[in-house]
N, C-alpha and C. Protein backbone atom coordinates (compact mmCIF):
# COMPACT_ATOMS: atom_id res chain seq x y z
N MET A 1 1.57 -3.12 40.24
CA MET A 1 0.22 -3.20 39.74
C MET A 1 -0.09 -2.02 38.80
N ARG A 2 0.38 -0.83 39.16
CA ARG A 2 0.15 0.34 38.32
C ARG A 2 0.78 0.17 36.94
N LYS A 3 1.99 -0.42 36.93
CA LYS A 3 2.69 -0.62 35.67
C LYS A 3 1.91 -1.59 34.77
N ALA A 4 1.38 -2.65 35.32
CA ALA A 4 0.60 -3.61 34.55
C ALA A 4 -0.67 -2.97 34.00
N THR A 5 -1.33 -2.16 34.82
CA THR A 5 -2.54 -1.47 34.38
C THR A 5 -2.22 -0.51 33.24
N PHE A 6 -1.12 0.23 33.38
CA PHE A 6 -0.70 1.16 32.33
C PHE A 6 -0.43 0.42 31.02
N ILE A 7 0.27 -0.70 31.09
CA ILE A 7 0.59 -1.48 29.88
C ILE A 7 -0.69 -1.99 29.22
N VAL A 8 -1.63 -2.47 29.99
CA VAL A 8 -2.91 -2.95 29.43
C VAL A 8 -3.66 -1.80 28.77
N MET A 9 -3.73 -0.65 29.42
CA MET A 9 -4.44 0.50 28.85
C MET A 9 -3.76 1.00 27.58
N LEU A 10 -2.42 1.01 27.57
CA LEU A 10 -1.68 1.42 26.38
C LEU A 10 -1.98 0.46 25.23
N GLY A 11 -2.02 -0.83 25.51
CA GLY A 11 -2.34 -1.82 24.48
C GLY A 11 -3.73 -1.61 23.90
N ILE A 12 -4.69 -1.31 24.75
CA ILE A 12 -6.05 -1.05 24.29
C ILE A 12 -6.10 0.20 23.42
N ALA A 13 -5.40 1.25 23.84
CA ALA A 13 -5.38 2.50 23.05
C ALA A 13 -4.76 2.26 21.68
N VAL A 14 -3.67 1.53 21.62
CA VAL A 14 -3.03 1.23 20.33
C VAL A 14 -3.97 0.42 19.45
N ALA A 15 -4.67 -0.55 20.02
CA ALA A 15 -5.60 -1.37 19.24
C ALA A 15 -6.74 -0.53 18.68
N VAL A 16 -7.25 0.40 19.47
CA VAL A 16 -8.34 1.27 19.01
C VAL A 16 -7.88 2.14 17.86
N VAL A 17 -6.71 2.77 18.01
CA VAL A 17 -6.18 3.63 16.95
C VAL A 17 -5.90 2.82 15.68
N ALA A 18 -5.32 1.64 15.82
CA ALA A 18 -5.03 0.80 14.66
C ALA A 18 -6.31 0.37 13.96
N GLY A 19 -7.38 0.17 14.71
CA GLY A 19 -8.65 -0.24 14.14
C GLY A 19 -9.34 0.88 13.38
N MET A 20 -8.87 2.12 13.50
CA MET A 20 -9.50 3.25 12.85
C MET A 20 -8.72 3.73 11.64
N ALA A 21 -8.02 2.83 10.98
CA ALA A 21 -7.24 3.20 9.80
C ALA A 21 -8.17 3.80 8.75
N PRO A 22 -7.74 4.91 8.12
CA PRO A 22 -8.60 5.57 7.13
C PRO A 22 -8.82 4.75 5.86
N ILE A 23 -7.86 3.89 5.54
CA ILE A 23 -7.97 3.06 4.33
C ILE A 23 -7.81 1.61 4.71
N LYS A 24 -8.69 0.78 4.16
CA LYS A 24 -8.57 -0.67 4.34
C LYS A 24 -8.12 -1.25 3.00
N TRP A 25 -6.97 -1.88 2.99
CA TRP A 25 -6.41 -2.46 1.77
C TRP A 25 -6.84 -3.90 1.62
N LYS A 26 -7.22 -4.30 0.41
CA LYS A 26 -7.56 -5.70 0.15
C LYS A 26 -6.31 -6.55 0.35
N THR A 27 -5.17 -6.05 -0.12
CA THR A 27 -3.87 -6.66 0.12
C THR A 27 -2.82 -5.56 0.04
N THR A 28 -1.73 -5.75 0.76
CA THR A 28 -0.62 -4.79 0.69
C THR A 28 0.64 -5.44 0.13
N SER A 29 0.51 -6.69 -0.32
CA SER A 29 1.67 -7.40 -0.85
C SER A 29 1.24 -8.35 -1.97
N ILE A 30 1.99 -8.32 -3.06
CA ILE A 30 1.70 -9.20 -4.20
C ILE A 30 2.98 -9.94 -4.58
N ASP A 31 2.88 -11.26 -4.74
CA ASP A 31 4.00 -12.08 -5.20
C ASP A 31 3.80 -12.33 -6.69
N LEU A 32 4.69 -11.79 -7.50
CA LEU A 32 4.60 -11.96 -8.96
C LEU A 32 5.18 -13.28 -9.44
N GLY A 33 5.86 -14.00 -8.57
CA GLY A 33 6.48 -15.27 -8.97
C GLY A 33 7.62 -15.01 -9.94
N GLN A 34 7.77 -15.91 -10.92
CA GLN A 34 8.83 -15.73 -11.92
C GLN A 34 8.37 -14.80 -13.04
N VAL A 35 9.23 -13.86 -13.37
CA VAL A 35 8.97 -12.88 -14.41
C VAL A 35 10.13 -12.94 -15.39
N THR A 36 9.83 -13.04 -16.68
CA THR A 36 10.87 -13.08 -17.70
C THR A 36 11.53 -11.71 -17.82
N LYS A 37 12.85 -11.71 -18.02
CA LYS A 37 13.60 -10.46 -18.16
C LYS A 37 12.96 -9.59 -19.24
N SER A 38 12.82 -8.31 -18.98
CA SER A 38 12.22 -7.29 -19.86
C SER A 38 10.71 -7.42 -20.02
N GLU A 39 10.08 -8.26 -19.23
CA GLU A 39 8.63 -8.42 -19.27
C GLU A 39 7.96 -7.35 -18.41
N SER A 40 6.79 -6.92 -18.80
CA SER A 40 6.00 -5.98 -18.00
C SER A 40 4.89 -6.73 -17.29
N LYS A 41 4.67 -6.37 -16.05
CA LYS A 41 3.59 -6.96 -15.25
C LYS A 41 2.74 -5.84 -14.67
N ASP A 42 1.43 -6.00 -14.76
CA ASP A 42 0.49 -5.04 -14.18
C ASP A 42 0.10 -5.49 -12.78
N LEU A 43 0.00 -4.52 -11.88
CA LEU A 43 -0.39 -4.77 -10.49
C LEU A 43 -1.57 -3.90 -10.14
N SER A 44 -2.39 -4.36 -9.21
CA SER A 44 -3.51 -3.55 -8.74
C SER A 44 -3.69 -3.78 -7.24
N PHE A 45 -3.74 -2.67 -6.49
CA PHE A 45 -3.96 -2.70 -5.05
C PHE A 45 -5.28 -1.99 -4.78
N GLU A 46 -6.30 -2.75 -4.40
CA GLU A 46 -7.63 -2.20 -4.16
C GLU A 46 -7.75 -1.76 -2.70
N PHE A 47 -8.46 -0.64 -2.48
CA PHE A 47 -8.66 -0.14 -1.12
C PHE A 47 -10.05 0.45 -0.97
N THR A 48 -10.47 0.59 0.28
CA THR A 48 -11.76 1.18 0.62
C THR A 48 -11.54 2.31 1.62
N ASN A 49 -12.22 3.42 1.39
CA ASN A 49 -12.19 4.56 2.32
C ASN A 49 -13.07 4.21 3.51
N MET A 50 -12.47 4.05 4.68
CA MET A 50 -13.20 3.65 5.88
C MET A 50 -13.65 4.84 6.73
N THR A 51 -13.40 6.06 6.26
CA THR A 51 -13.80 7.25 7.02
C THR A 51 -15.20 7.70 6.63
N ASN A 52 -15.67 8.73 7.28
CA ASN A 52 -16.96 9.32 6.95
C ASN A 52 -16.83 10.52 6.02
N GLU A 53 -15.61 10.79 5.59
CA GLU A 53 -15.32 11.94 4.73
C GLU A 53 -14.58 11.47 3.47
N PRO A 54 -14.65 12.24 2.40
CA PRO A 54 -13.85 11.91 1.22
C PRO A 54 -12.35 12.03 1.54
N ILE A 55 -11.57 11.18 0.91
CA ILE A 55 -10.12 11.27 1.04
C ILE A 55 -9.51 11.39 -0.35
N ARG A 56 -8.27 11.81 -0.37
CA ARG A 56 -7.55 11.98 -1.64
C ARG A 56 -6.18 11.32 -1.51
N ILE A 57 -5.78 10.62 -2.56
CA ILE A 57 -4.41 10.11 -2.63
C ILE A 57 -3.55 11.28 -3.10
N LEU A 58 -2.60 11.69 -2.28
CA LEU A 58 -1.75 12.83 -2.61
C LEU A 58 -0.50 12.42 -3.37
N GLU A 59 -0.03 11.21 -3.10
CA GLU A 59 1.20 10.74 -3.73
C GLU A 59 1.21 9.22 -3.78
N ALA A 60 1.71 8.67 -4.87
CA ALA A 60 1.94 7.23 -5.00
C ALA A 60 3.16 7.08 -5.88
N LYS A 61 4.25 6.60 -5.29
CA LYS A 61 5.53 6.57 -6.00
C LYS A 61 6.21 5.23 -5.81
N GLY A 62 6.71 4.67 -6.92
CA GLY A 62 7.44 3.42 -6.88
C GLY A 62 8.85 3.62 -6.34
N SER A 63 9.44 2.55 -5.83
CA SER A 63 10.77 2.62 -5.24
C SER A 63 11.89 2.68 -6.27
N CYS A 64 11.54 2.49 -7.54
CA CYS A 64 12.56 2.58 -8.60
C CYS A 64 11.90 3.02 -9.91
N GLY A 65 12.72 3.34 -10.89
CA GLY A 65 12.21 3.76 -12.19
C GLY A 65 11.56 2.65 -12.99
N CYS A 66 11.65 1.42 -12.51
CA CYS A 66 11.07 0.28 -13.21
C CYS A 66 9.57 0.14 -12.94
N THR A 67 9.03 1.00 -12.07
CA THR A 67 7.63 0.91 -11.68
C THR A 67 6.90 2.21 -11.99
N ASN A 68 5.89 2.12 -12.85
CA ASN A 68 5.06 3.27 -13.21
C ASN A 68 3.74 3.14 -12.44
N VAL A 69 3.47 4.11 -11.58
CA VAL A 69 2.30 4.03 -10.69
C VAL A 69 1.23 5.01 -11.13
N LYS A 70 -0.03 4.56 -11.09
CA LYS A 70 -1.18 5.43 -11.36
C LYS A 70 -2.13 5.34 -10.18
N PHE A 71 -2.71 6.49 -9.82
CA PHE A 71 -3.64 6.53 -8.70
C PHE A 71 -4.78 7.49 -9.01
N PRO A 72 -5.92 7.32 -8.34
CA PRO A 72 -7.07 8.20 -8.61
C PRO A 72 -6.74 9.65 -8.28
N SER A 73 -7.06 10.55 -9.19
CA SER A 73 -6.82 11.97 -8.94
C SER A 73 -8.02 12.62 -8.25
N ASN A 74 -9.17 11.97 -8.34
CA ASN A 74 -10.38 12.51 -7.70
C ASN A 74 -10.49 12.01 -6.26
N GLU A 75 -11.35 12.64 -5.50
CA GLU A 75 -11.60 12.21 -4.13
C GLU A 75 -12.31 10.86 -4.13
N ILE A 76 -12.01 10.06 -3.10
CA ILE A 76 -12.67 8.79 -2.91
C ILE A 76 -13.64 9.00 -1.75
N GLY A 77 -14.92 8.88 -2.02
CA GLY A 77 -15.95 9.15 -1.02
C GLY A 77 -15.97 8.13 0.10
N ALA A 78 -16.65 8.47 1.17
CA ALA A 78 -16.80 7.58 2.32
C ALA A 78 -17.38 6.24 1.86
N GLY A 79 -16.70 5.16 2.24
CA GLY A 79 -17.16 3.82 1.90
C GLY A 79 -16.88 3.38 0.47
N GLU A 80 -16.34 4.26 -0.37
CA GLU A 80 -16.06 3.91 -1.76
C GLU A 80 -14.77 3.10 -1.87
N THR A 81 -14.70 2.32 -2.95
CA THR A 81 -13.54 1.50 -3.25
C THR A 81 -12.86 2.03 -4.50
N ALA A 82 -11.53 2.00 -4.51
CA ALA A 82 -10.75 2.43 -5.67
C ALA A 82 -9.48 1.58 -5.71
N SER A 83 -8.62 1.83 -6.69
CA SER A 83 -7.39 1.06 -6.84
C SER A 83 -6.20 1.95 -7.19
N ILE A 84 -5.06 1.52 -6.74
CA ILE A 84 -3.79 2.06 -7.19
C ILE A 84 -3.20 0.99 -8.08
N THR A 85 -2.85 1.36 -9.31
CA THR A 85 -2.30 0.39 -10.25
C THR A 85 -0.85 0.74 -10.56
N ALA A 86 -0.11 -0.26 -10.99
CA ALA A 86 1.28 -0.05 -11.34
C ALA A 86 1.66 -1.00 -12.45
N ASN A 87 2.68 -0.60 -13.19
CA ASN A 87 3.26 -1.46 -14.21
C ASN A 87 4.73 -1.61 -13.87
N PHE A 88 5.16 -2.86 -13.68
CA PHE A 88 6.55 -3.17 -13.34
C PHE A 88 7.23 -3.74 -14.57
N ARG A 89 8.34 -3.16 -14.95
CA ARG A 89 9.16 -3.65 -16.08
C ARG A 89 10.40 -4.29 -15.49
N SER A 90 10.51 -5.62 -15.65
CA SER A 90 11.61 -6.36 -15.05
C SER A 90 12.94 -6.04 -15.73
N GLY A 91 13.99 -6.11 -14.95
CA GLY A 91 15.32 -5.78 -15.46
C GLY A 91 16.32 -6.87 -15.15
N LYS A 92 17.13 -6.67 -14.12
CA LYS A 92 18.20 -7.59 -13.77
C LYS A 92 17.68 -8.95 -13.34
N ILE A 93 18.43 -9.99 -13.72
CA ILE A 93 18.12 -11.36 -13.31
C ILE A 93 18.29 -11.48 -11.79
N GLY A 94 17.36 -12.18 -11.16
CA GLY A 94 17.45 -12.43 -9.73
C GLY A 94 16.19 -12.03 -8.99
N SER A 95 16.21 -12.24 -7.69
CA SER A 95 15.06 -11.91 -6.84
C SER A 95 14.95 -10.40 -6.67
N PHE A 96 13.72 -9.94 -6.50
CA PHE A 96 13.49 -8.53 -6.26
C PHE A 96 12.37 -8.35 -5.24
N LYS A 97 12.44 -7.25 -4.52
CA LYS A 97 11.36 -6.81 -3.63
C LYS A 97 11.28 -5.31 -3.79
N LYS A 98 10.14 -4.82 -4.26
CA LYS A 98 9.92 -3.41 -4.54
C LYS A 98 8.77 -2.90 -3.69
N ASN A 99 8.63 -1.58 -3.61
CA ASN A 99 7.50 -1.03 -2.88
C ASN A 99 6.95 0.20 -3.60
N ILE A 100 5.74 0.54 -3.21
CA ILE A 100 5.06 1.75 -3.67
C ILE A 100 4.69 2.52 -2.41
N ARG A 101 5.12 3.78 -2.34
CA ARG A 101 4.88 4.62 -1.17
C ARG A 101 3.64 5.47 -1.42
N ILE A 102 2.67 5.40 -0.49
CA ILE A 102 1.38 6.08 -0.62
C ILE A 102 1.23 7.14 0.46
N LYS A 103 0.77 8.31 0.07
CA LYS A 103 0.45 9.39 1.02
C LYS A 103 -0.99 9.80 0.76
N THR A 104 -1.79 9.88 1.82
CA THR A 104 -3.20 10.28 1.69
C THR A 104 -3.46 11.58 2.44
N SER A 105 -4.61 12.16 2.17
CA SER A 105 -5.02 13.39 2.86
C SER A 105 -5.42 13.12 4.31
N GLU A 106 -5.56 11.87 4.70
CA GLU A 106 -6.03 11.52 6.04
C GLU A 106 -4.93 11.07 6.99
N SER A 107 -3.67 11.03 6.53
CA SER A 107 -2.62 10.52 7.40
C SER A 107 -1.32 11.26 7.15
N GLU A 108 -0.60 11.50 8.22
CA GLU A 108 0.73 12.12 8.12
C GLU A 108 1.77 11.08 7.71
N GLU A 109 1.47 9.81 7.92
CA GLU A 109 2.42 8.74 7.64
C GLU A 109 2.19 8.14 6.26
N TYR A 110 3.25 7.58 5.70
CA TYR A 110 3.16 6.88 4.43
C TYR A 110 2.70 5.45 4.67
N THR A 111 1.99 4.91 3.68
CA THR A 111 1.65 3.49 3.64
C THR A 111 2.51 2.88 2.54
N TYR A 112 2.99 1.67 2.76
CA TYR A 112 3.82 1.01 1.76
C TYR A 112 3.12 -0.24 1.25
N LEU A 113 3.09 -0.36 -0.07
CA LEU A 113 2.57 -1.55 -0.74
C LEU A 113 3.78 -2.27 -1.33
N TYR A 114 3.80 -3.59 -1.25
CA TYR A 114 4.97 -4.34 -1.66
C TYR A 114 4.65 -5.33 -2.78
N PHE A 115 5.65 -5.57 -3.62
CA PHE A 115 5.56 -6.67 -4.59
C PHE A 115 6.95 -7.26 -4.77
N ASN A 116 6.97 -8.54 -5.05
CA ASN A 116 8.24 -9.25 -5.15
C ASN A 116 8.15 -10.35 -6.19
N GLY A 117 9.28 -10.93 -6.49
CA GLY A 117 9.34 -12.03 -7.44
C GLY A 117 10.76 -12.34 -7.81
N GLU A 118 10.91 -13.03 -8.92
CA GLU A 118 12.23 -13.40 -9.41
C GLU A 118 12.27 -13.20 -10.92
N VAL A 119 13.24 -12.44 -11.38
CA VAL A 119 13.42 -12.22 -12.82
C VAL A 119 14.30 -13.36 -13.35
N VAL A 120 13.82 -14.01 -14.42
CA VAL A 120 14.53 -15.12 -15.05
C VAL A 120 14.72 -14.81 -16.54
N GLU A 121 15.65 -15.54 -17.17
CA GLU A 121 15.91 -15.36 -18.62
C GLU A 121 14.69 -15.77 -19.43
């Protein structure tokens, strides 16, 4: 009985912590579909600061040199919405899955944003 109670309490604690994420993302994954070789595609990941304090994006980096990432350099106030944008330049023919690694002033952990598609001739 103690073990079951502990597991239930642990589940509740995890749910509470997960519900208090400092940033709420509109989406964390974008499917670009088919992209012509050497074509550039613009991406935008919108987010809202869910804390009561301003936050700052400290780092936003693409997983390869084919992705140029831009992020707000100013603080994002409590309840404010902003975006991280990227430009992806397609290269090799075939399927791809890329990510953008985000670090904020409110979390020790990185957040990953994903995009995928298929490069065609």
